[in-house]
Amino acid sequence: MKSQLRLVLIAALVILCPWQSRAQDKPSAAETVENLKFQLLDVKAREDNLRLRVQQLDEDLKPENIERALAGVGSTRPEELREQRRRQLTVEKAGVAAQLEEAASQRSRLEAALAAAEVEAYQQSARGSSAIQNEMLGSQSAVAFRWLLLGALVVVVGIGVSLMVILRLRVSGRNDS
């Protein structure tokens, strides 16, 4: 009896589990547009910071600034120190320039995706409220279907329990005679 009850409960849980609908999985085009705009702002800010860093490194690479940076350092080979500092700044500048190129590439991809998302958002808004109403009806029908399945499950369980009780009464009636 307990195993049958567990089986019925598991079946009820499976039926009543919320099914994912397409509308909830995919954000609306307007939400996508907003998300892409925020991403684009972040990339542009990162690009600006990288450009500023490249300018700073260009300034630091000037011979007089390299000498000024090493003015407090005493060495028997100041030329080697200056060359080492110049190489270090050059390597850092190359890395920042690569990051800047990547950010520019990412910005152009985001701009293209934003344009496509704006077109999709416009098309969705042009379709109007009928599409929204159809989506709502679709989700309501899924809920109604779940309730219908639950009702059918309750009826089947009720019949099963009734049959089990009747059979037990008959078996116990035969054993008493």
C-alpha atoms as a PDB file:
ATOM      1  CA  MET A   1       0.000   0.000   0.000  1.00  0.00           C
ATOM      2  CA  LYS A   2       2.825   2.399   0.893  1.00  0.00           C
ATOM      3  CA  SER A   3       4.701   1.653  -2.321  1.00  0.00           C
ATOM      4  CA  GLN A   4       1.550   2.311  -4.349  1.00  0.00           C
ATOM      5  CA  LEU A   5       1.012   5.576  -2.507  1.00  0.00           C
ATOM      6  CA  ARG A   6       4.612   6.597  -3.233  1.00  0.00           C
ATOM      7  CA  LEU A   7       4.139   5.747  -6.890  1.00  0.00           C
ATOM      8  CA  VAL A   8       0.993   7.893  -7.024  1.00  0.00           C
ATOM      9  CA  LEU A   9       2.769  10.808  -5.312  1.00  0.00           C
ATOM     10  CA  ILE A  10       5.699  10.588  -7.720  1.00  0.00           C
ATOM     11  CA  ALA A  11       3.297  10.544 -10.664  1.00  0.00           C
ATOM     12  CA  ALA A  12       1.501  13.591  -9.245  1.00  0.00           C
ATOM     13  CA  LEU A  13       4.799  15.460  -8.843  1.00  0.00           C
ATOM     14  CA  VAL A  14       5.834  14.686 -12.392  1.00  0.00           C
ATOM     15  CA  ILE A  15       2.505  15.903 -13.735  1.00  0.00           C
ATOM     16  CA  LEU A  16       2.435  19.019 -11.622  1.00  0.00           C
ATOM     17  CA  CYS A  17       6.043  20.047 -12.277  1.00  0.00           C
ATOM     18  CA  PRO A  18       5.993  23.366 -14.063  1.00  0.00           C
ATOM     19  CA  TRP A  19       6.824  22.963 -17.720  1.00  0.00           C
ATOM     20  CA  GLN A  20       9.064  25.550 -19.212  1.00  0.00           C
ATOM     21  CA  SER A  21       7.402  27.686 -21.791  1.00  0.00           C
ATOM     22  CA  ARG A  22       9.137  29.336 -24.710  1.00  0.00           C
ATOM     23  CA  ALA A  23       8.126  32.789 -23.561  1.00  0.00           C
ATOM     24  CA  GLN A  24       9.938  32.382 -20.239  1.00  0.00           C
ATOM     25  CA  ASP A  25      13.089  30.865 -21.730  1.00  0.00           C
ATOM     26  CA  LYS A  26      13.758  33.626 -24.214  1.00  0.00           C
ATOM     27  CA  PRO A  27      13.804  37.248 -23.089  1.00  0.00           C
ATOM     28  CA  SER A  28      11.724  39.669 -25.110  1.00  0.00           C
ATOM     29  CA  ALA A  29      13.398  41.661 -27.840  1.00  0.00           C
ATOM     30  CA  ALA A  30      13.038  44.850 -25.781  1.00  0.00           C
ATOM     31  CA  GLU A  31      14.868  43.207 -22.862  1.00  0.00           C
ATOM     32  CA  THR A  32      17.567  42.010 -25.249  1.00  0.00           C
ATOM     33  CA  VAL A  33      17.970  45.553 -26.584  1.00  0.00           C
ATOM     34  CA  GLU A  34      18.383  46.938 -23.072  1.00  0.00           C
ATOM     35  CA  ASN A  35      20.859  44.212 -22.144  1.00  0.00           C
ATOM     36  CA  LEU A  36      22.930  44.862 -25.275  1.00  0.00           C
ATOM     37  CA  LYS A  37      22.911  48.614 -24.604  1.00  0.00           C
ATOM     38  CA  PHE A  38      24.321  48.039 -21.117  1.00  0.00           C
ATOM     39  CA  GLN A  39      26.982  45.700 -22.493  1.00  0.00           C
ATOM     40  CA  LEU A  40      27.876  48.264 -25.150  1.00  0.00           C
ATOM     41  CA  LEU A  41      28.257  50.982 -22.509  1.00  0.00           C
ATOM     42  CA  ASP A  42      30.571  48.718 -20.506  1.00  0.00           C
ATOM     43  CA  VAL A  43      32.719  47.955 -23.553  1.00  0.00           C
ATOM     44  CA  LYS A  44      32.935  51.638 -24.499  1.00  0.00           C
ATOM     45  CA  ALA A  45      34.001  52.545 -20.964  1.00  0.00           C
ATOM     46  CA  ARG A  46      36.645  49.800 -21.060  1.00  0.00           C
ATOM     47  CA  GLU A  47      37.839  51.083 -24.437  1.00  0.00           C
ATOM     48  CA  ASP A  48      38.151  54.616 -23.063  1.00  0.00           C
ATOM     49  CA  ASN A  49      40.172  53.373 -20.085  1.00  0.00           C
ATOM     50  CA  LEU A  50      42.462  51.389 -22.376  1.00  0.00           C
ATOM     51  CA  ARG A  51      42.983  54.413 -24.660  1.00  0.00           C
ATOM     52  CA  LEU A  52      43.925  56.506 -21.640  1.00  0.00           C
ATOM     53  CA  ARG A  53      46.378  53.824 -20.546  1.00  0.00           C
ATOM     54  CA  VAL A  54      47.973  53.736 -24.033  1.00  0.00           C
ATOM     55  CA  GLN A  55      48.365  57.522 -23.923  1.00  0.00           C
ATOM     56  CA  GLN A  56      49.948  57.290 -20.480  1.00  0.00           C
ATOM     57  CA  LEU A  57      52.343  54.595 -21.679  1.00  0.00           C
ATOM     58  CA  ASP A  58      53.270  56.702 -24.729  1.00  0.00           C
ATOM     59  CA  GLU A  59      54.073  59.543 -22.366  1.00  0.00           C
ATOM     60  CA  ASP A  60      56.053  57.234 -20.068  1.00  0.00           C
ATOM     61  CA  LEU A  61      58.077  55.929 -23.054  1.00  0.00           C
ATOM     62  CA  LYS A  62      59.559  59.356 -23.796  1.00  0.00           C
ATOM     63  CA  PRO A  63      63.276  59.314 -22.983  1.00  0.00           C
ATOM     64  CA  GLU A  64      63.072  62.218 -20.538  1.00  0.00           C
ATOM     65  CA  ASN A  65      60.269  60.462 -18.594  1.00  0.00           C
ATOM     66  CA  ILE A  66      62.209  57.201 -18.463  1.00  0.00           C
ATOM     67  CA  GLU A  67      65.191  59.115 -17.062  1.00  0.00           C
ATOM     68  CA  ARG A  68      62.977  60.908 -14.562  1.00  0.00           C
ATOM     69  CA  ALA A  69      61.464  57.563 -13.419  1.00  0.00           C
ATOM     70  CA  LEU A  70      64.961  56.178 -12.798  1.00  0.00           C
ATOM     71  CA  ALA A  71      66.464  59.350 -11.317  1.00  0.00           C
ATOM     72  CA  GLY A  72      66.452  58.060  -7.754  1.00  0.00           C
ATOM     73  CA  VAL A  73      67.967  54.697  -8.694  1.00  0.00           C
ATOM     74  CA  GLY A  74      71.720  54.473  -8.476  1.00  0.00           C
ATOM     75  CA  SER A  75      73.487  52.125 -10.853  1.00  0.00           C
ATOM     76  CA  THR A  76      76.798  51.630 -12.536  1.00  0.00           C
ATOM     77  CA  ARG A  77      74.922  50.865 -15.778  1.00  0.00           C
ATOM     78  CA  PRO A  78      72.122  53.426 -16.136  1.00  0.00           C
ATOM     79  CA  GLU A  79      71.796  52.719 -19.888  1.00  0.00           C
ATOM     80  CA  GLU A  80      70.778  49.112 -19.152  1.00  0.00           C
ATOM     81  CA  LEU A  81      68.226  50.274 -16.593  1.00  0.00           C
ATOM     82  CA  ARG A  82      66.735  52.745 -19.080  1.00  0.00           C
ATOM     83  CA  GLU A  83      66.611  50.059 -21.796  1.00  0.00           C
ATOM     84  CA  GLN A  84      64.992  47.594 -19.399  1.00  0.00           C
ATOM     85  CA  ARG A  85      62.366  50.204 -18.403  1.00  0.00           C
ATOM     86  CA  ARG A  86      61.715  51.020 -22.063  1.00  0.00           C
ATOM     87  CA  ARG A  87      61.235  47.300 -22.908  1.00  0.00           C
ATOM     88  CA  GLN A  88      58.918  46.855 -19.928  1.00  0.00           C
ATOM     89  CA  LEU A  89      56.766  49.813 -21.004  1.00  0.00           C
ATOM     90  CA  THR A  90      56.765  48.625 -24.632  1.00  0.00           C
ATOM     91  CA  VAL A  91      55.571  45.164 -23.637  1.00  0.00           C
ATOM     92  CA  GLU A  92      52.862  46.647 -21.433  1.00  0.00           C
ATOM     93  CA  LYS A  93      51.782  48.985 -24.242  1.00  0.00           C
ATOM     94  CA  ALA A  94      51.540  46.046 -26.683  1.00  0.00           C
ATOM     95  CA  GLY A  95      49.339  44.157 -24.212  1.00  0.00           C
ATOM     96  CA  VAL A  96      47.077  47.147 -23.686  1.00  0.00           C
ATOM     97  CA  ALA A  97      46.894  47.716 -27.452  1.00  0.00           C
ATOM     98  CA  ALA A  98      45.814  44.078 -27.928  1.00  0.00           C
ATOM     99  CA  GLN A  99      43.126  44.510 -25.266  1.00  0.00           C
ATOM    100  CA  LEU A 100      42.013  47.697 -27.025  1.00  0.00           C
ATOM    101  CA  GLU A 101      41.703  45.861 -30.351  1.00  0.00           C
ATOM    102  CA  GLU A 102      39.671  43.106 -28.670  1.00  0.00           C
ATOM    103  CA  ALA A 103      37.393  45.687 -27.058  1.00  0.00           C
ATOM    104  CA  ALA A 104      36.887  47.397 -30.421  1.00  0.00           C
ATOM    105  CA  SER A 105      36.018  44.058 -31.999  1.00  0.00           C
ATOM    106  CA  GLN A 106      33.596  43.276 -29.182  1.00  0.00           C
ATOM    107  CA  ARG A 107      32.049  46.737 -29.556  1.00  0.00           C
ATOM    108  CA  SER A 108      31.427  46.214 -33.268  1.00  0.00           C
ATOM    109  CA  ARG A 109      29.836  42.796 -32.610  1.00  0.00           C
ATOM    110  CA  LEU A 110      27.611  44.308 -29.928  1.00  0.00           C
ATOM    111  CA  GLU A 111      26.603  47.161 -32.214  1.00  0.00           C
ATOM    112  CA  ALA A 112      25.583  44.656 -34.922  1.00  0.00           C
ATOM    113  CA  ALA A 113      23.667  42.535 -32.395  1.00  0.00           C
ATOM    114  CA  LEU A 114      21.997  45.670 -31.031  1.00  0.00           C
ATOM    115  CA  ALA A 115      20.856  46.707 -34.504  1.00  0.00           C
ATOM    116  CA  ALA A 116      19.378  43.239 -35.106  1.00  0.00           C
ATOM    117  CA  ALA A 117      17.689  43.250 -31.686  1.00  0.00           C
ATOM    118  CA  GLU A 118      16.202  46.685 -32.326  1.00  0.00           C
ATOM    119  CA  VAL A 119      14.736  45.412 -35.604  1.00  0.00           C
ATOM    120  CA  GLU A 120      13.281  42.400 -33.772  1.00  0.00           C
ATOM    121  CA  ALA A 121      11.860  44.643 -31.038  1.00  0.00           C
ATOM    122  CA  TYR A 122      10.262  46.861 -33.663  1.00  0.00           C
ATOM    123  CA  GLN A 123       8.740  43.836 -35.384  1.00  0.00           C
ATOM    124  CA  GLN A 124       7.422  42.506 -32.079  1.00  0.00           C
ATOM    125  CA  SER A 125       5.846  45.847 -31.249  1.00  0.00           C
ATOM    126  CA  ALA A 126       4.341  46.012 -34.753  1.00  0.00           C
ATOM    127  CA  ARG A 127       2.703  42.623 -34.244  1.00  0.00           C
ATOM    128  CA  GLY A 128       0.870  44.247 -31.392  1.00  0.00           C
ATOM    129  CA  SER A 129      -1.059  42.869 -28.517  1.00  0.00           C
ATOM    130  CA  SER A 130      -2.519  39.923 -30.441  1.00  0.00           C
ATOM    131  CA  ALA A 131       0.764  38.050 -30.089  1.00  0.00           C
ATOM    132  CA  ILE A 132       0.818  38.805 -26.373  1.00  0.00           C
ATOM    133  CA  GLN A 133      -2.756  37.598 -26.010  1.00  0.00           C
ATOM    134  CA  ASN A 134      -1.904  34.400 -27.908  1.00  0.00           C
ATOM    135  CA  GLU A 135       1.070  33.831 -25.594  1.00  0.00           C
ATOM    136  CA  MET A 136      -1.131  34.312 -22.537  1.00  0.00           C
ATOM    137  CA  LEU A 137      -3.747  31.912 -23.890  1.00  0.00           C
ATOM    138  CA  GLY A 138      -1.024  29.351 -24.572  1.00  0.00           C
ATOM    139  CA  SER A 139       0.253  29.551 -21.011  1.00  0.00           C
ATOM    140  CA  GLN A 140      -3.294  29.397 -19.618  1.00  0.00           C
ATOM    141  CA  SER A 141      -4.044  26.298 -21.675  1.00  0.00           C
ATOM    142  CA  ALA A 142      -0.922  24.611 -20.281  1.00  0.00           C
ATOM    143  CA  VAL A 143      -2.116  25.337 -16.734  1.00  0.00           C
ATOM    144  CA  ALA A 144      -5.595  24.065 -17.562  1.00  0.00           C
ATOM    145  CA  PHE A 145      -4.085  20.918 -19.058  1.00  0.00           C
ATOM    146  CA  ARG A 146      -2.084  20.313 -15.864  1.00  0.00           C
ATOM    147  CA  TRP A 147      -5.212  20.688 -13.741  1.00  0.00           C
ATOM    148  CA  LEU A 148      -7.064  18.320 -16.032  1.00  0.00           C
ATOM    149  CA  LEU A 149      -4.285  15.749 -15.653  1.00  0.00           C
ATOM    150  CA  LEU A 150      -4.333  16.204 -11.893  1.00  0.00           C
ATOM    151  CA  GLY A 151      -8.092  15.657 -11.827  1.00  0.00           C
ATOM    152  CA  ALA A 152      -7.729  12.504 -13.920  1.00  0.00           C
ATOM    153  CA  LEU A 153      -4.990  11.282 -11.579  1.00  0.00           C
ATOM    154  CA  VAL A 154      -7.196  11.878  -8.532  1.00  0.00           C
ATOM    155  CA  VAL A 155     -10.067   9.961 -10.162  1.00  0.00           C
ATOM    156  CA  VAL A 156      -7.779   7.040 -11.052  1.00  0.00           C
ATOM    157  CA  VAL A 157      -6.308   6.977  -7.548  1.00  0.00           C
ATOM    158  CA  GLY A 158      -9.802   7.130  -6.044  1.00  0.00           C
ATOM    159  CA  ILE A 159     -10.969   4.201  -8.158  1.00  0.00           C
ATOM    160  CA  GLY A 160      -7.832   2.243  -7.277  1.00  0.00           C
ATOM    161  CA  VAL A 161      -8.234   2.861  -3.560  1.00  0.00           C
ATOM    162  CA  SER A 162     -11.933   1.956  -3.748  1.00  0.00           C
ATOM    163  CA  LEU A 163     -11.131  -1.298  -5.515  1.00  0.00           C
ATOM    164  CA  MET A 164      -8.462  -2.126  -2.949  1.00  0.00           C
ATOM    165  CA  VAL A 165     -10.890  -1.482  -0.078  1.00  0.00           C
ATOM    166  CA  ILE A 166     -13.603  -3.618  -1.734  1.00  0.00           C
ATOM    167  CA  LEU A 167     -11.143  -6.453  -2.348  1.00  0.00           C
ATOM    168  CA  ARG A 168      -9.909  -6.336   1.247  1.00  0.00           C
ATOM    169  CA  LEU A 169     -13.481  -6.398   2.543  1.00  0.00           C
ATOM    170  CA  ARG A 170     -14.295  -9.409   0.370  1.00  0.00           C
ATOM    171  CA  VAL A 171     -11.100 -11.207   1.423  1.00  0.00           C
ATOM    172  CA  SER A 172     -11.689 -10.433   5.099  1.00  0.00           C
ATOM    173  CA  GLY A 173     -15.385 -11.490   4.695  1.00  0.00           C
ATOM    174  CA  ARG A 174     -14.302 -14.846   3.262  1.00  0.00           C
ATOM    175  CA  ASN A 175     -11.755 -15.342   6.023  1.00  0.00           C
ATOM    176  CA  ASP A 176     -14.402 -14.640   8.687  1.00  0.00           C
ATOM    177  CA  SER A 177     -16.806 -17.281   7.231  1.00  0.00           C
END
